[in-house]
Protein backbone atom coordinates (compact mmCIF):
# COMPACT_ATOMS: atom_id res chain seq x y z
CA MET A 1 -76.35 -175.59 43.41
CA ASN A 2 -74.91 -172.83 41.32
CA ILE A 3 -74.52 -168.98 41.53
CA GLU A 4 -77.73 -168.34 39.61
CA THR A 5 -79.72 -170.38 42.17
CA LEU A 6 -78.19 -168.39 44.97
CA HIS A 7 -79.06 -165.13 43.27
CA ILE A 8 -82.65 -166.24 42.78
CA PHE A 9 -83.02 -167.33 46.45
CA CYS A 10 -81.58 -164.10 47.77
CA ASP A 11 -83.81 -161.95 45.55
CA VAL A 12 -86.96 -163.91 46.42
CA VAL A 13 -86.14 -163.44 50.15
CA LEU A 14 -85.18 -159.81 49.88
CA HIS A 15 -88.42 -158.86 48.09
CA GLN A 16 -90.55 -161.49 49.80
CA SER A 17 -91.90 -162.47 46.43
CA PHE A 18 -91.27 -165.40 44.12
CA SER A 19 -92.63 -163.50 41.12
CA GLN A 20 -90.34 -160.39 41.76
CA GLY A 21 -87.29 -162.69 42.42
CA ALA A 22 -88.09 -164.49 39.16
CA GLN A 23 -88.45 -161.22 37.14
CA LEU A 24 -85.12 -159.88 38.47
CA ASN A 25 -83.28 -162.98 37.23
CA ASP A 26 -85.24 -163.31 33.93
CA VAL A 27 -86.70 -166.63 34.73
CA SER A 28 -90.27 -167.92 35.19
CA GLN A 29 -91.99 -167.91 38.62
CA SER A 30 -92.12 -171.66 38.37
CA ALA A 31 -88.28 -171.75 37.87
CA ALA A 32 -87.72 -169.49 40.87
CA THR A 33 -89.87 -171.89 42.99
CA GLN A 34 -87.92 -174.88 41.73
CA SER A 35 -84.59 -173.12 42.58
CA VAL A 36 -85.67 -172.70 46.15
CA HIS A 37 -86.86 -176.35 46.22
CA ARG A 38 -83.50 -177.47 45.00
CA LEU A 39 -81.82 -175.66 47.80
CA GLU A 40 -84.16 -177.20 50.33
CA LYS A 41 -83.48 -180.66 48.96
CA HIS A 42 -79.77 -180.01 48.95
CA PHE A 43 -79.77 -179.09 52.67
CA GLY A 44 -82.57 -181.50 53.72
CA VAL A 45 -84.49 -178.80 55.51
CA GLN A 46 -87.24 -176.32 54.91
CA LEU A 47 -85.78 -172.80 54.22
CA VAL A 48 -89.06 -171.00 53.53
CA ASP A 49 -92.18 -171.15 55.60
CA ARG A 50 -94.96 -170.85 52.96
CA THR A 51 -97.89 -171.24 55.38
CA LYS A 52 -97.54 -167.46 56.22
CA ARG A 53 -98.49 -164.53 54.04
CA PRO A 54 -96.05 -163.09 53.18
CA PHE A 55 -93.76 -166.07 53.62
CA VAL A 56 -90.97 -166.04 56.31
CA LEU A 57 -87.64 -167.70 56.50
CA THR A 58 -87.05 -170.66 58.81
CA PRO A 59 -83.93 -170.36 61.09
CA GLU A 60 -82.08 -172.48 58.60
CA GLY A 61 -83.26 -170.26 55.77
CA GLN A 62 -82.01 -167.15 57.60
CA VAL A 63 -78.58 -168.67 58.00
CA CYS A 64 -78.57 -169.55 54.30
CA TYR A 65 -79.72 -166.10 53.27
CA GLU A 66 -77.09 -164.29 55.22
CA GLY A 67 -74.32 -166.65 54.13
CA PHE A 68 -75.37 -166.64 50.43
CA ARG A 69 -75.30 -162.81 50.43
CA GLU A 70 -71.72 -162.75 51.46
CA VAL A 71 -70.97 -165.49 48.92
CA LEU A 72 -72.53 -163.50 46.08
CA GLU A 73 -70.76 -160.28 47.17
CA LEU A 74 -67.41 -162.11 47.10
CA TYR A 75 -68.22 -163.69 43.75
CA ASP A 76 -69.19 -160.25 42.24
CA SER A 77 -65.92 -158.90 43.69
CA VAL A 78 -63.81 -161.68 42.08
CA VAL A 79 -65.56 -161.12 38.67
CA ALA A 80 -64.86 -157.36 38.89
CA GLN A 81 -61.23 -157.93 39.87
CA VAL A 82 -60.65 -160.29 36.92
CA ARG A 83 -62.07 -157.63 34.62
CA SER A 84 -60.04 -154.98 36.29
CA LEU A 85 -56.87 -156.93 35.31
CA ARG A 86 -57.79 -156.01 31.74
CA MET A 87 -58.12 -152.38 32.90
CA GLU A 88 -61.90 -152.70 32.57
CA ILE A 89 -64.06 -150.97 35.27
CA SER A 90 -67.49 -152.35 34.58
CA GLY A 91 -70.54 -153.86 36.27
CA SER A 92 -72.85 -151.92 38.47
CA ILE A 93 -72.86 -150.27 41.91
CA ARG A 94 -75.90 -149.53 44.04
CA VAL A 95 -76.00 -146.41 46.18
CA ALA A 96 -78.51 -144.86 48.46
CA ALA A 97 -78.27 -141.23 49.53
CA ILE A 98 -80.25 -138.94 51.77
CA TYR A 99 -82.13 -136.30 49.77
CA SER A 100 -79.99 -133.26 50.61
CA VAL A 101 -76.66 -134.96 49.78
CA GLY A 102 -78.14 -136.57 46.61
CA LEU A 103 -79.66 -133.40 45.21
CA HIS A 104 -76.62 -131.16 45.78
CA ASP A 105 -73.70 -133.60 45.28
CA MET A 106 -74.60 -136.71 43.24
CA SER A 107 -75.21 -135.17 39.83
CA ARG A 108 -71.72 -133.97 39.46
CA VAL A 109 -70.25 -137.24 40.86
CA MET A 110 -72.33 -139.34 38.61
CA GLN A 111 -71.27 -137.31 35.50
CA GLU A 112 -67.66 -137.67 36.35
CA PHE A 113 -67.86 -141.40 37.11
CA MET A 114 -69.80 -142.21 33.89
CA ARG A 115 -67.39 -140.04 31.89
CA SER A 116 -64.38 -141.90 33.43
CA TYR A 117 -65.86 -145.36 33.36
CA PRO A 118 -68.51 -145.61 30.60
CA LYS A 119 -68.87 -149.45 30.97
CA ALA A 120 -69.88 -149.08 34.61
CA LYS A 121 -73.40 -148.20 35.91
CA VAL A 122 -74.55 -146.59 39.05
CA ARG A 123 -77.99 -147.32 40.46
CA LEU A 124 -78.79 -144.40 42.67
CA GLU A 125 -81.85 -143.86 44.91
CA TYR A 126 -82.82 -141.22 47.43
CA LEU A 127 -84.10 -142.30 50.78
CA ARG A 128 -84.80 -141.09 54.36
CA PRO A 129 -81.78 -141.71 56.64
CA ASN A 130 -83.31 -144.73 58.40
CA LYS A 131 -84.13 -146.36 55.04
CA VAL A 132 -80.56 -145.81 53.85
CA TYR A 133 -79.33 -147.74 56.88
CA ASP A 134 -81.85 -150.44 56.32
CA ALA A 135 -80.84 -150.74 52.61
CA VAL A 136 -77.17 -151.08 53.50
CA LEU A 137 -77.72 -153.66 56.30
CA ASN A 138 -80.05 -155.69 54.08
CA ALA A 139 -77.53 -155.61 51.22
CA GLU A 140 -80.06 -153.88 48.96
CA VAL A 141 -77.29 -151.33 48.19
CA ASP A 142 -73.57 -151.40 48.30
CA LEU A 143 -73.03 -147.87 49.78
CA GLY A 144 -75.08 -145.43 51.73
CA ILE A 145 -74.36 -141.70 51.94
CA VAL A 146 -75.77 -140.00 55.06
CA SER A 147 -75.34 -137.18 57.45
CA TYR A 148 -74.20 -137.85 61.03
CA PRO A 149 -73.09 -141.36 60.03
CA VAL A 150 -73.01 -143.89 62.88
CA ALA A 151 -70.80 -147.01 63.00
CA SER A 152 -72.08 -150.18 64.56
CA PRO A 153 -70.97 -153.82 64.93
CA ASP A 154 -72.38 -154.42 61.41
CA LEU A 155 -71.56 -151.03 59.73
CA LYS A 156 -68.32 -149.12 59.00
CA VAL A 157 -68.10 -145.37 58.25
CA ILE A 158 -65.86 -143.65 55.68
CA PRO A 159 -65.76 -139.93 56.57
CA LEU A 160 -66.33 -137.60 53.67
CA ARG A 161 -66.64 -133.98 54.91
CA SER A 162 -67.93 -131.66 57.62
CA GLU A 163 -70.30 -128.88 56.41
CA ARG A 164 -70.59 -125.59 58.36
CA MET A 165 -74.24 -124.79 59.37
CA VAL A 166 -75.56 -121.33 58.84
CA VAL A 167 -78.65 -119.39 59.95
CA VAL A 168 -80.87 -118.93 56.85
CA CYS A 169 -83.31 -116.01 56.73
CA PRO A 170 -85.76 -114.30 54.40
CA LEU A 171 -84.28 -111.31 52.70
CA ASN A 172 -84.19 -108.11 54.77
CA HIS A 173 -84.67 -110.10 58.06
CA PRO A 174 -83.06 -108.16 61.02
CA LEU A 175 -80.52 -110.94 61.56
CA THR A 176 -78.98 -110.19 58.09
CA ALA A 177 -77.56 -106.89 59.60
CA HIS A 178 -75.02 -109.10 61.40
CA GLN A 179 -72.01 -110.76 59.78
CA ALA A 180 -72.19 -113.53 62.42
CA VAL A 181 -74.51 -114.51 65.17
CA THR A 182 -74.55 -116.80 68.19
CA ALA A 183 -77.42 -119.09 69.22
CA GLU A 184 -78.58 -116.37 71.70
CA HIS A 185 -79.43 -114.08 68.72
CA LEU A 186 -82.14 -116.64 67.78
CA GLN A 187 -84.07 -116.32 71.03
CA GLY A 188 -87.88 -116.04 70.42
CA GLU A 189 -87.59 -116.30 66.61
CA ASN A 190 -90.05 -118.27 64.47
CA PHE A 191 -88.24 -121.28 63.24
CA VAL A 192 -88.71 -123.79 60.35
CA GLY A 193 -87.10 -127.11 61.51
CA PHE A 194 -86.58 -130.70 60.54
CA ASP A 195 -88.74 -133.55 61.71
CA ARG A 196 -88.02 -134.60 65.27
CA ASP A 197 -86.68 -138.05 64.34
CA LEU A 198 -83.92 -136.76 62.12
CA SER A 199 -80.37 -136.57 63.44
CA ILE A 200 -79.86 -133.01 62.17
CA ARG A 201 -82.95 -131.86 64.20
CA LYS A 202 -81.54 -133.52 67.43
CA GLU A 203 -78.18 -131.81 66.93
CA ILE A 204 -79.81 -128.37 66.35
CA ASP A 205 -82.08 -128.93 69.35
CA ARG A 206 -79.10 -129.90 71.53
CA HIS A 207 -77.11 -126.77 70.37
CA LEU A 208 -79.88 -124.42 71.30
CA ARG A 209 -80.78 -126.29 74.50
CA GLN A 210 -77.26 -126.16 75.83
CA ARG A 211 -77.41 -122.25 75.37
CA SER A 212 -80.90 -121.95 76.98
CA VAL A 213 -82.28 -120.62 73.70
CA ASN A 214 -85.98 -120.96 73.09
CA ILE A 215 -87.39 -120.66 69.51
CA ARG A 216 -91.01 -120.94 68.29
CA MET A 217 -91.34 -123.91 65.97
CA ALA A 218 -93.45 -122.72 63.19
CA MET A 219 -93.13 -125.69 60.76
CA GLU A 220 -91.39 -129.01 60.57
CA PHE A 221 -90.27 -130.87 57.42
CA ASP A 222 -88.29 -133.94 56.50
CA ASN A 223 -86.19 -132.30 53.75
CA ILE A 224 -84.09 -129.22 53.10
CA GLU A 225 -85.83 -128.14 49.86
CA THR A 226 -89.16 -127.60 51.56
CA ILE A 227 -87.53 -125.88 54.50
CA LYS A 228 -85.83 -123.37 52.16
CA GLN A 229 -89.18 -122.69 50.43
CA ALA A 230 -90.83 -122.10 53.82
CA VAL A 231 -88.09 -119.63 54.81
CA GLN A 232 -88.42 -117.83 51.55
CA ILE A 233 -92.11 -117.08 52.17
CA GLY A 234 -91.29 -115.67 55.57
CA ALA A 235 -92.52 -118.55 57.77
CA GLY A 236 -89.39 -118.20 59.96
CA ILE A 237 -85.65 -118.65 60.02
CA SER A 238 -83.72 -122.04 60.01
CA ILE A 239 -80.32 -123.46 60.46
CA LEU A 240 -79.09 -125.40 57.31
CA PRO A 241 -75.80 -126.72 55.90
CA GLU A 242 -74.11 -123.92 53.99
CA PRO A 243 -73.56 -125.92 50.79
CA THR A 244 -77.27 -126.57 50.44
CA VAL A 245 -78.10 -122.91 50.20
CA ARG A 246 -75.29 -121.59 48.05
CA ALA A 247 -77.57 -121.36 44.94
CA GLU A 248 -80.24 -119.34 46.81
CA ILE A 249 -77.72 -117.07 48.29
CA ARG A 250 -76.01 -116.44 44.85
CA ASN A 251 -79.51 -115.86 43.20
CA GLY A 252 -80.59 -113.60 46.02
CA THR A 253 -83.63 -115.45 47.12
CA LEU A 254 -82.28 -116.20 50.66
CA ALA A 255 -79.81 -114.69 53.12
CA SER A 256 -77.48 -116.48 55.39
CA VAL A 257 -75.46 -115.56 58.42
CA ARG A 258 -72.58 -117.34 60.07
CA LEU A 259 -73.36 -119.13 63.34
CA ILE A 260 -70.46 -118.92 65.78
CA ALA A 261 -69.43 -119.44 69.39
CA PRO A 262 -69.21 -122.29 68.54
CA GLU A 263 -69.79 -123.26 64.89
CA LEU A 264 -72.30 -125.98 64.36
CA ARG A 265 -71.32 -128.65 61.64
CA ARG A 266 -72.95 -131.46 59.75
CA PRO A 267 -70.66 -134.49 59.08
CA ILE A 268 -71.28 -136.45 55.92
CA GLY A 269 -70.01 -140.06 55.39
CA ILE A 270 -70.32 -143.30 53.52
CA ILE A 271 -71.70 -146.32 55.34
CA HIS A 272 -71.19 -149.88 54.23
CA ARG A 273 -71.56 -153.37 55.71
CA LEU A 274 -68.57 -154.25 57.86
CA ARG A 275 -67.64 -157.40 55.91
CA LYS A 276 -68.44 -155.82 52.54
CA VAL A 277 -65.88 -156.74 49.92
CA PHE A 278 -65.59 -153.81 47.50
CA THR A 279 -65.36 -154.41 43.82
CA PRO A 280 -62.89 -152.22 41.87
CA THR A 281 -65.84 -150.38 40.40
CA ALA A 282 -67.09 -149.56 43.87
CA GLY A 283 -63.54 -148.47 44.84
CA LYS A 284 -63.37 -146.16 41.91
CA PHE A 285 -66.65 -144.68 42.84
CA ILE A 286 -65.59 -143.87 46.38
CA GLU A 287 -62.40 -142.41 44.99
CA ILE A 288 -64.37 -139.99 42.88
CA LEU A 289 -66.71 -139.24 45.85
CA GLN A 290 -63.68 -138.44 47.98
CA GLN A 291 -62.13 -136.21 45.23
CA PHE A 292 -65.45 -134.36 45.02
CA GLN A 293 -65.67 -133.74 48.70
CA LYS A 294 -62.15 -132.26 48.61
CA GLN A 295 -63.31 -129.87 45.87
CA MET A 296 -66.37 -129.02 48.00
CA VAL A 297 -64.09 -128.03 50.84
CA GLU A 298 -61.92 -125.95 48.55
CA GLU A 299 -64.95 -124.22 47.11
CA THR A 300 -66.35 -123.30 50.64
CA PRO A 301 -66.23 -119.46 50.89
CA GLU A 302 -63.88 -118.00 53.41
CA GLU A 303 -65.56 -115.77 55.98
């Protein structure tokens, strides 16, 4: 049993595919199958129930999968730490981000990280919030970047920043005559909102409900970009994080008004597995993320 065998087994299980696990490790499908057979022979038990399609893990296989993932994470950390002693930040880090954070933040972070550490690689993908949590818990990624991050017995949260929410309107909407509004000003307005299962929608609904404000939900979407487009064409107003509409406000395609009494804010944070051992490369990436968040706060316009 060696590290390569553990890698193959975990990739086969993660993707529920011998062929894909083989491809990820540059071996033949037959070699991947033999690797799993060797593990089963070593432990003297069946790890994979091949009678089902797709295959499922036996209880012993599940224990091995969870344990091997931790072994591989620790091994990768040791390799990276040895390299870091030579002042070399290398290897790869896998990151999943929600769409709004990814589109507005990650390009600058990625550019700075690659400029500072050219031997390191970042594999970034954009997912819906629930998929980010799944990817972190299943060790498909090292870090997740989400809004309204929630810790759990298996997940830890690293806070990044808190974004002020603003009322976003079409140009020349009556609300734009105000420098600031309260929730009560939104009574009866046509509203473009988020899908009901998203945390940001639940927080906005709670904010309005606590103040007995009723709006007319005109449209619902799962992402900020589409909501902004709907507001631009006059479908209604919305409540969005201020950083995500800066470009439109600057270009004169949307208007925004402060929401006060009280303010509504969207927290952003990093989630990772509780027992995750960070490589130096991951540590440097988090450092740059935190530096960028500090810059974002400093760039936030004063009202």
